[in-house]
PDB file of all heavy atoms in Angstrom:
ATOM      1  N   MET A   1      -4.829  -5.166  -6.821  1.00  0.00           N
ATOM      2  CA  MET A   1      -4.866  -3.711  -6.688  1.00  0.00           C
ATOM      3  C   MET A   1      -4.061  -3.297  -5.477  1.00  0.00           C
ATOM      4  O   MET A   1      -3.871  -4.018  -4.474  1.00  0.00           O
ATOM      5  CB  MET A   1      -6.313  -3.217  -6.594  1.00  0.00           C
ATOM      6  CG  MET A   1      -7.220  -3.606  -7.736  1.00  0.00           C
ATOM      7  SD  MET A   1      -6.750  -2.774  -9.274  1.00  0.00           S
ATOM      8  CE  MET A   1      -7.122  -1.098  -8.912  1.00  0.00           C
ATOM      9  N   ALA A   2      -3.577  -2.049  -5.521  1.00  0.00           N
ATOM     10  CA  ALA A   2      -2.795  -1.510  -4.468  1.00  0.00           C
ATOM     11  C   ALA A   2      -2.943  -0.009  -4.333  1.00  0.00           C
ATOM     12  O   ALA A   2      -3.391   0.655  -5.237  1.00  0.00           O
ATOM     13  CB  ALA A   2      -1.346  -1.816  -4.654  1.00  0.00           C
ATOM     14  N   TRP A   3      -2.569   0.452  -3.149  1.00  0.00           N
ATOM     15  CA  TRP A   3      -2.481   1.889  -2.878  1.00  0.00           C
ATOM     16  C   TRP A   3      -1.013   2.224  -2.580  1.00  0.00           C
ATOM     17  O   TRP A   3      -0.374   1.516  -1.830  1.00  0.00           O
ATOM     18  CB  TRP A   3      -3.344   2.315  -1.691  1.00  0.00           C
ATOM     19  CG  TRP A   3      -4.793   2.314  -1.999  1.00  0.00           C
ATOM     20  CD1 TRP A   3      -5.727   1.331  -1.739  1.00  0.00           C
ATOM     21  CD2 TRP A   3      -5.585   3.383  -2.586  1.00  0.00           C
ATOM     22  NE1 TRP A   3      -6.960   1.702  -2.127  1.00  0.00           N
ATOM     23  CE2 TRP A   3      -6.899   2.975  -2.625  1.00  0.00           C
ATOM     24  CE3 TRP A   3      -5.234   4.663  -3.010  1.00  0.00           C
ATOM     25  CZ2 TRP A   3      -7.911   3.773  -3.166  1.00  0.00           C
ATOM     26  CZ3 TRP A   3      -6.196   5.493  -3.528  1.00  0.00           C
ATOM     27  CH2 TRP A   3      -7.552   5.028  -3.605  1.00  0.00           C
ATOM     28  N   PHE A   4      -0.545   3.294  -3.180  1.00  0.00           N
ATOM     29  CA  PHE A   4       0.750   3.885  -2.884  1.00  0.00           C
ATOM     30  C   PHE A   4       0.542   5.326  -2.452  1.00  0.00           C
ATOM     31  O   PHE A   4      -0.520   5.910  -2.689  1.00  0.00           O
ATOM     32  CB  PHE A   4       1.695   3.832  -4.101  1.00  0.00           C
ATOM     33  CG  PHE A   4       2.168   2.424  -4.410  1.00  0.00           C
ATOM     34  CD1 PHE A   4       1.362   1.522  -5.003  1.00  0.00           C
ATOM     35  CD2 PHE A   4       3.503   2.089  -4.144  1.00  0.00           C
ATOM     36  CE1 PHE A   4       1.782   0.202  -5.287  1.00  0.00           C
ATOM     37  CE2 PHE A   4       4.000   0.845  -4.458  1.00  0.00           C
ATOM     38  CZ  PHE A   4       3.144  -0.091  -5.024  1.00  0.00           C
ATOM     39  N   ARG A   5       1.591   5.862  -1.891  1.00  0.00           N
ATOM     40  CA  ARG A   5       1.502   7.300  -1.502  1.00  0.00           C
ATOM     41  C   ARG A   5       2.919   7.943  -1.744  1.00  0.00           C
ATOM     42  O   ARG A   5       3.903   7.294  -1.666  1.00  0.00           O
ATOM     43  CB  ARG A   5       1.000   7.526  -0.163  1.00  0.00           C
ATOM     44  CG  ARG A   5       1.963   7.050   0.979  1.00  0.00           C
ATOM     45  CD  ARG A   5       1.287   7.168   2.328  1.00  0.00           C
ATOM     46  NE  ARG A   5       2.134   6.757   3.409  1.00  0.00           N
ATOM     47  CZ  ARG A   5       1.805   6.648   4.699  1.00  0.00           C
ATOM     48  NH1 ARG A   5       0.571   6.968   5.034  1.00  0.00           N
ATOM     49  NH2 ARG A   5       2.650   6.297   5.612  1.00  0.00           N
ATOM     50  N   GLN A   6       2.850   9.257  -1.953  1.00  0.00           N
ATOM     51  CA  GLN A   6       4.064   9.983  -2.155  1.00  0.00           C
ATOM     52  C   GLN A   6       3.938  11.362  -1.499  1.00  0.00           C
ATOM     53  O   GLN A   6       3.098  12.140  -1.857  1.00  0.00           O
ATOM     54  CB  GLN A   6       4.407  10.140  -3.646  1.00  0.00           C
ATOM     55  CG  GLN A   6       5.801  10.761  -3.903  1.00  0.00           C
ATOM     56  CD  GLN A   6       6.209  10.642  -5.326  1.00  0.00           C
ATOM     57  OE1 GLN A   6       5.381  10.485  -6.210  1.00  0.00           O
ATOM     58  NE2 GLN A   6       7.501  10.694  -5.588  1.00  0.00           N
ATOM     59  N   ALA A   7       4.841  11.603  -0.550  1.00  0.00           N
ATOM     60  CA  ALA A   7       4.917  12.870   0.111  1.00  0.00           C
ATOM     61  C   ALA A   7       5.904  13.746  -0.585  1.00  0.00           C
ATOM     62  O   ALA A   7       6.858  13.265  -1.284  1.00  0.00           O
ATOM     63  CB  ALA A   7       5.289  12.723   1.548  1.00  0.00           C
ATOM     64  N   PRO A   8       5.825  15.084  -0.470  1.00  0.00           N
ATOM     65  CA  PRO A   8       6.744  15.991  -1.123  1.00  0.00           C
ATOM     66  C   PRO A   8       8.200  15.686  -0.669  1.00  0.00           C
ATOM     67  O   PRO A   8       8.452  15.528   0.492  1.00  0.00           O
ATOM     68  CB  PRO A   8       6.318  17.412  -0.673  1.00  0.00           C
ATOM     69  CG  PRO A   8       4.872  17.236  -0.350  1.00  0.00           C
ATOM     70  CD  PRO A   8       4.717  15.821   0.156  1.00  0.00           C
ATOM     71  N   GLY A   9       9.073  15.563  -1.685  1.00  0.00           N
ATOM     72  CA  GLY A   9      10.486  15.309  -1.398  1.00  0.00           C
ATOM     73  C   GLY A   9      10.818  13.876  -1.048  1.00  0.00           C
ATOM     74  O   GLY A   9      11.982  13.559  -0.777  1.00  0.00           O
ATOM     75  N   LYS A  10       9.841  12.972  -1.136  1.00  0.00           N
ATOM     76  CA  LYS A  10      10.058  11.590  -0.814  1.00  0.00           C
ATOM     77  C   LYS A  10       9.658  10.723  -1.972  1.00  0.00           C
ATOM     78  O   LYS A  10       8.904  11.126  -2.856  1.00  0.00           O
ATOM     79  CB  LYS A  10       9.250  11.162   0.431  1.00  0.00           C
ATOM     80  CG  LYS A  10       9.630  11.907   1.689  1.00  0.00           C
ATOM     81  CD  LYS A  10       8.845  11.392   2.879  1.00  0.00           C
ATOM     82  CE  LYS A  10       9.283  12.080   4.170  1.00  0.00           C
ATOM     83  NZ  LYS A  10       8.475  11.565   5.319  1.00  0.00           N
ATOM     84  N   GLU A  11      10.180   9.511  -1.996  1.00  0.00           N
ATOM     85  CA  GLU A  11       9.877   8.527  -3.031  1.00  0.00           C
ATOM     86  C   GLU A  11       8.511   7.928  -2.766  1.00  0.00           C
ATOM     87  O   GLU A  11       8.033   7.879  -1.594  1.00  0.00           O
ATOM     88  CB  GLU A  11      10.916   7.406  -3.128  1.00  0.00           C
ATOM     89  CG  GLU A  11      12.282   7.865  -3.546  1.00  0.00           C
ATOM     90  CD  GLU A  11      13.256   6.736  -3.749  1.00  0.00           C
ATOM     91  OE1 GLU A  11      13.021   5.645  -3.230  1.00  0.00           O
ATOM     92  OE2 GLU A  11      14.211   6.934  -4.471  1.00  0.00           O
ATOM     93  N   ARG A  12       7.873   7.477  -3.804  1.00  0.00           N
ATOM     94  CA  ARG A  12       6.621   6.803  -3.659  1.00  0.00           C
ATOM     95  C   ARG A  12       6.782   5.517  -2.831  1.00  0.00           C
ATOM     96  O   ARG A  12       7.728   4.778  -3.003  1.00  0.00           O
ATOM     97  CB  ARG A  12       6.060   6.453  -5.039  1.00  0.00           C
ATOM     98  CG  ARG A  12       4.648   5.862  -5.033  1.00  0.00           C
ATOM     99  CD  ARG A  12       4.126   5.694  -6.466  1.00  0.00           C
ATOM    100  NE  ARG A  12       4.006   6.966  -7.120  1.00  0.00           N
ATOM    101  CZ  ARG A  12       3.596   7.152  -8.379  1.00  0.00           C
ATOM    102  NH1 ARG A  12       3.200   6.053  -9.060  1.00  0.00           N
ATOM    103  NH2 ARG A  12       3.576   8.334  -8.929  1.00  0.00           N
ATOM    104  N   GLU A  13       5.869   5.267  -1.901  1.00  0.00           N
ATOM    105  CA  GLU A  13       5.958   4.123  -1.057  1.00  0.00           C
ATOM    106  C   GLU A  13       4.663   3.322  -1.080  1.00  0.00           C
ATOM    107  O   GLU A  13       3.567   3.839  -1.238  1.00  0.00           O
ATOM    108  CB  GLU A  13       6.280   4.561   0.373  1.00  0.00           C
ATOM    109  CG  GLU A  13       5.181   5.333   1.093  1.00  0.00           C
ATOM    110  CD  GLU A  13       5.507   5.657   2.524  1.00  0.00           C
ATOM    111  OE1 GLU A  13       6.453   5.046   3.076  1.00  0.00           O
ATOM    112  OE2 GLU A  13       4.772   6.458   3.132  1.00  0.00           O
ATOM    113  N   PHE A  14       4.848   2.028  -0.898  1.00  0.00           N
ATOM    114  CA  PHE A  14       3.717   1.132  -0.825  1.00  0.00           C
ATOM    115  C   PHE A  14       2.922   1.318   0.422  1.00  0.00           C
ATOM    116  O   PHE A  14       3.461   1.525   1.529  1.00  0.00           O
ATOM    117  CB  PHE A  14       4.234  -0.344  -0.838  1.00  0.00           C
ATOM    118  CG  PHE A  14       3.234  -1.374  -0.532  1.00  0.00           C
ATOM    119  CD1 PHE A  14       2.310  -1.776  -1.489  1.00  0.00           C
ATOM    120  CD2 PHE A  14       3.211  -1.947   0.696  1.00  0.00           C
ATOM    121  CE1 PHE A  14       1.398  -2.749  -1.237  1.00  0.00           C
ATOM    122  CE2 PHE A  14       2.219  -2.934   1.026  1.00  0.00           C
ATOM    123  CZ  PHE A  14       1.328  -3.301   0.015  1.00  0.00           C
ATOM    124  N   VAL A  15       1.580   1.256   0.342  1.00  0.00           N
ATOM    125  CA  VAL A  15       0.695   1.435   1.472  1.00  0.00           C
ATOM    126  C   VAL A  15      -0.038   0.125   1.731  1.00  0.00           C
ATOM    127  O   VAL A  15       0.018  -0.412   2.843  1.00  0.00           O
ATOM    128  CB  VAL A  15      -0.330   2.548   1.232  1.00  0.00           C
ATOM    129  CG1 VAL A  15      -1.330   2.608   2.390  1.00  0.00           C
ATOM    130  CG2 VAL A  15       0.371   3.895   1.074  1.00  0.00           C
ATOM    131  N   SER A  16      -0.724  -0.407   0.711  1.00  0.00           N
ATOM    132  CA  SER A  16      -1.535  -1.614   0.899  1.00  0.00           C
ATOM    133  C   SER A  16      -1.885  -2.231  -0.409  1.00  0.00           C
ATOM    134  O   SER A  16      -1.848  -1.578  -1.469  1.00  0.00           O
ATOM    135  CB  SER A  16      -2.805  -1.239   1.651  1.00  0.00           C
ATOM    136  OG  SER A  16      -3.605  -2.393   1.977  1.00  0.00           O
ATOM    137  N   SER A  17      -2.222  -3.525  -0.388  1.00  0.00           N
ATOM    138  CA  SER A  17      -2.634  -4.204  -1.599  1.00  0.00           C
ATOM    139  C   SER A  17      -3.680  -5.267  -1.273  1.00  0.00           C
ATOM    140  O   SER A  17      -3.812  -5.718  -0.139  1.00  0.00           O
ATOM    141  CB  SER A  17      -1.453  -4.889  -2.328  1.00  0.00           C
ATOM    142  OG  SER A  17      -0.875  -5.893  -1.511  1.00  0.00           O
ATOM    143  N   VAL A  18      -4.397  -5.663  -2.262  1.00  0.00           N
ATOM    144  CA  VAL A  18      -5.461  -6.681  -2.112  1.00  0.00           C
ATOM    145  C   VAL A  18      -5.480  -7.544  -3.362  1.00  0.00           C
ATOM    146  O   VAL A  18      -5.322  -7.030  -4.484  1.00  0.00           O
ATOM    147  CB  VAL A  18      -6.846  -6.079  -1.839  1.00  0.00           C
ATOM    148  CG1 VAL A  18      -7.248  -5.149  -2.946  1.00  0.00           C
ATOM    149  CG2 VAL A  18      -7.885  -7.140  -1.565  1.00  0.00           C
ATOM    150  N   ARG A  19      -5.665  -8.841  -3.176  1.00  0.00           N
ATOM    151  CA  ARG A  19      -5.676  -9.762  -4.359  1.00  0.00           C
ATOM    152  C   ARG A  19      -6.988  -9.569  -5.163  1.00  0.00           C
ATOM    153  O   ARG A  19      -7.928  -8.931  -4.634  1.00  0.00           O
ATOM    154  CB  ARG A  19      -5.600 -11.185  -3.886  1.00  0.00           C
ATOM    155  CG  ARG A  19      -4.176 -11.524  -3.355  1.00  0.00           C
ATOM    156  CD  ARG A  19      -4.103 -12.984  -2.899  1.00  0.00           C
ATOM    157  NE  ARG A  19      -4.317 -13.956  -3.922  1.00  0.00           N
ATOM    158  CZ  ARG A  19      -3.408 -14.395  -4.724  1.00  0.00           C
ATOM    159  NH1 ARG A  19      -2.142 -13.983  -4.647  1.00  0.00           N
ATOM    160  NH2 ARG A  19      -3.725 -15.325  -5.657  1.00  0.00           N
ATOM    161  N   TRP A  20      -6.999 -10.103  -6.321  1.00  0.00           N
ATOM    162  CA  TRP A  20      -8.077  -9.827  -7.313  1.00  0.00           C
ATOM    163  C   TRP A  20      -9.475 -10.148  -6.785  1.00  0.00           C
ATOM    164  O   TRP A  20     -10.433  -9.498  -7.177  1.00  0.00           O
ATOM    165  CB  TRP A  20      -7.799 -10.592  -8.604  1.00  0.00           C
ATOM    166  CG  TRP A  20      -7.871 -12.086  -8.491  1.00  0.00           C
ATOM    167  CD1 TRP A  20      -6.898 -12.929  -8.150  1.00  0.00           C
ATOM    168  CD2 TRP A  20      -9.014 -12.921  -8.745  1.00  0.00           C
ATOM    169  NE1 TRP A  20      -7.318 -14.283  -8.129  1.00  0.00           N
ATOM    170  CE2 TRP A  20      -8.626 -14.240  -8.472  1.00  0.00           C
ATOM    171  CE3 TRP A  20     -10.310 -12.661  -9.132  1.00  0.00           C
ATOM    172  CZ2 TRP A  20      -9.507 -15.322  -8.658  1.00  0.00           C
ATOM    173  CZ3 TRP A  20     -11.232 -13.718  -9.260  1.00  0.00           C
ATOM    174  CH2 TRP A  20     -10.785 -15.032  -9.015  1.00  0.00           C
ATOM    175  N   ALA A  21      -9.639 -11.168  -5.962  1.00  0.00           N
ATOM    176  CA  ALA A  21     -10.890 -11.537  -5.460  1.00  0.00           C
ATOM    177  C   ALA A  21     -11.059 -11.152  -3.977  1.00  0.00           C
ATOM    178  O   ALA A  21     -11.936 -11.685  -3.325  1.00  0.00           O
ATOM    179  CB  ALA A  21     -11.095 -13.083  -5.601  1.00  0.00           C
ATOM    180  N   GLY A  22     -10.268 -10.232  -3.525  1.00  0.00           N
ATOM    181  CA  GLY A  22     -10.294  -9.905  -2.123  1.00  0.00           C
ATOM    182  C   GLY A  22      -9.509 -10.904  -1.328  1.00  0.00           C
ATOM    183  O   GLY A  22      -8.604 -11.578  -1.861  1.00  0.00           O
ATOM    184  N   GLY A  23      -9.801 -11.061  -0.066  1.00  0.00           N
ATOM    185  CA  GLY A  23      -9.096 -11.995   0.763  1.00  0.00           C
ATOM    186  C   GLY A  23      -7.796 -11.464   1.266  1.00  0.00           C
ATOM    187  O   GLY A  23      -7.706 -10.590   2.055  1.00  0.00           O
ATOM    188  N   ARG A  24      -6.684 -12.036   0.713  1.00  0.00           N
ATOM    189  CA  ARG A  24      -5.400 -11.720   1.215  1.00  0.00           C
ATOM    190  C   ARG A  24      -5.073 -10.260   0.980  1.00  0.00           C
ATOM    191  O   ARG A  24      -5.182  -9.738  -0.151  1.00  0.00           O
ATOM    192  CB  ARG A  24      -4.293 -12.587   0.632  1.00  0.00           C
ATOM    193  CG  ARG A  24      -2.939 -12.452   1.314  1.00  0.00           C
ATOM    194  CD  ARG A  24      -1.971 -13.522   0.771  1.00  0.00           C
ATOM    195  NE  ARG A  24      -1.452 -13.176  -0.532  1.00  0.00           N
ATOM    196  CZ  ARG A  24      -0.667 -13.961  -1.251  1.00  0.00           C
ATOM    197  NH1 ARG A  24      -0.218 -15.073  -0.677  1.00  0.00           N
ATOM    198  NH2 ARG A  24      -0.253 -13.585  -2.423  1.00  0.00           N
ATOM    199  N   THR A  25      -4.613  -9.590   2.043  1.00  0.00           N
ATOM    200  CA  THR A  25      -4.215  -8.201   1.989  1.00  0.00           C
ATOM    201  C   THR A  25      -2.835  -7.983   2.575  1.00  0.00           C
ATOM    202  O   THR A  25      -2.400  -8.814   3.408  1.00  0.00           O
ATOM    203  CB  THR A  25      -5.205  -7.268   2.712  1.00  0.00           C
ATOM    204  OG1 THR A  25      -5.347  -7.719   4.078  1.00  0.00           O
ATOM    205  CG2 THR A  25      -6.580  -7.391   2.042  1.00  0.00           C
ATOM    206  N   ASN A  26      -2.177  -6.905   2.155  1.00  0.00           N
ATOM    207  CA  ASN A  26      -0.906  -6.586   2.725  1.00  0.00           C
ATOM    208  C   ASN A  26      -0.918  -5.097   3.107  1.00  0.00           C
ATOM    209  O   ASN A  26      -1.564  -4.305   2.453  1.00  0.00           O
ATOM    210  CB  ASN A  26       0.243  -6.870   1.701  1.00  0.00           C
ATOM    211  CG  ASN A  26       0.422  -8.327   1.478  1.00  0.00           C
ATOM    212  OD1 ASN A  26       0.689  -9.087   2.414  1.00  0.00           O
ATOM    213  ND2 ASN A  26       0.305  -8.725   0.204  1.00  0.00           N
ATOM    214  N   TYR A  27      -0.178  -4.803   4.116  1.00  0.00           N
ATOM    215  CA  TYR A  27      -0.059  -3.420   4.620  1.00  0.00           C
ATOM    216  C   TYR A  27       1.378  -3.035   4.983  1.00  0.00           C
ATOM    217  O   TYR A  27       2.126  -3.933   5.477  1.00  0.00           O
ATOM    218  CB  TYR A  27      -0.906  -3.224   5.878  1.00  0.00           C
ATOM    219  CG  TYR A  27      -2.376  -3.423   5.635  1.00  0.00           C
ATOM    220  CD1 TYR A  27      -2.967  -4.646   5.818  1.00  0.00           C
ATOM    221  CD2 TYR A  27      -3.158  -2.374   5.185  1.00  0.00           C
ATOM    222  CE1 TYR A  27      -4.336  -4.854   5.644  1.00  0.00           C
ATOM    223  CE2 TYR A  27      -4.537  -2.566   4.956  1.00  0.00           C
ATOM    224  CZ  TYR A  27      -5.081  -3.808   5.177  1.00  0.00           C
ATOM    225  OH  TYR A  27      -6.468  -4.023   4.962  1.00  0.00           O
ATOM    226  N   ALA A  28       1.717  -1.800   4.679  1.00  0.00           N
ATOM    227  CA  ALA A  28       2.981  -1.332   5.188  1.00  0.00           C
ATOM    228  C   ALA A  28       2.878  -1.250   6.713  1.00  0.00           C
ATOM    229  O   ALA A  28       1.848  -0.991   7.286  1.00  0.00           O
ATOM    230  CB  ALA A  28       3.230   0.094   4.604  1.00  0.00           C
ATOM    231  N   ASP A  29       4.069  -1.444   7.334  1.00  0.00           N
ATOM    232  CA  ASP A  29       4.101  -1.403   8.776  1.00  0.00           C
ATOM    233  C   ASP A  29       3.573  -0.096   9.334  1.00  0.00           C
ATOM    234  O   ASP A  29       2.936  -0.055  10.451  1.00  0.00           O
ATOM    235  CB  ASP A  29       5.515  -1.656   9.311  1.00  0.00           C
ATOM    236  CG  ASP A  29       5.987  -3.057   9.088  1.00  0.00           C
ATOM    237  OD1 ASP A  29       5.109  -3.968   8.917  1.00  0.00           O
ATOM    238  OD2 ASP A  29       7.214  -3.300   9.159  1.00  0.00           O
ATOM    239  N   SER A  30       3.801   0.978   8.617  1.00  0.00           N
ATOM    240  CA  SER A  30       3.371   2.295   9.139  1.00  0.00           C
ATOM    241  C   SER A  30       1.891   2.518   9.229  1.00  0.00           C
ATOM    242  O   SER A  30       1.387   3.448   9.924  1.00  0.00           O
ATOM    243  CB  SER A  30       3.984   3.383   8.253  1.00  0.00           C
ATOM    244  OG  SER A  30       3.578   3.234   6.899  1.00  0.00           O
ATOM    245  N   VAL A  31       1.113   1.636   8.536  1.00  0.00           N
ATOM    246  CA  VAL A  31      -0.357   1.832   8.524  1.00  0.00           C
ATOM    247  C   VAL A  31      -1.112   0.684   9.074  1.00  0.00           C
ATOM    248  O   VAL A  31      -2.335   0.677   9.203  1.00  0.00           O
ATOM    249  CB  VAL A  31      -0.846   2.144   7.071  1.00  0.00           C
ATOM    250  CG1 VAL A  31      -0.076   3.306   6.463  1.00  0.00           C
ATOM    251  CG2 VAL A  31      -0.767   0.930   6.201  1.00  0.00           C
ATOM    252  N   LYS A  32      -0.424  -0.352   9.483  1.00  0.00           N
ATOM    253  CA  LYS A  32      -1.098  -1.556  10.027  1.00  0.00           C
ATOM    254  C   LYS A  32      -1.933  -1.176  11.263  1.00  0.00           C
ATOM    255  O   LYS A  32      -1.439  -0.442  12.131  1.00  0.00           O
ATOM    256  CB  LYS A  32      -0.101  -2.639  10.401  1.00  0.00           C
ATOM    257  CG  LYS A  32       0.502  -3.379   9.196  1.00  0.00           C
ATOM    258  CD  LYS A  32       1.485  -4.429   9.663  1.00  0.00           C
ATOM    259  CE  LYS A  32       2.031  -5.214   8.480  1.00  0.00           C
ATOM    260  NZ  LYS A  32       3.031  -6.212   8.877  1.00  0.00           N
TER     261      LYS A  32
END
């Protein structure tokens, strides 16, 4: 699963993701 976000006038960008059983996660540098 993942979260994305999109601001007006901008492309959708990746925010964060998590594997199916939890554990490993990823974050965009802007939200770390």
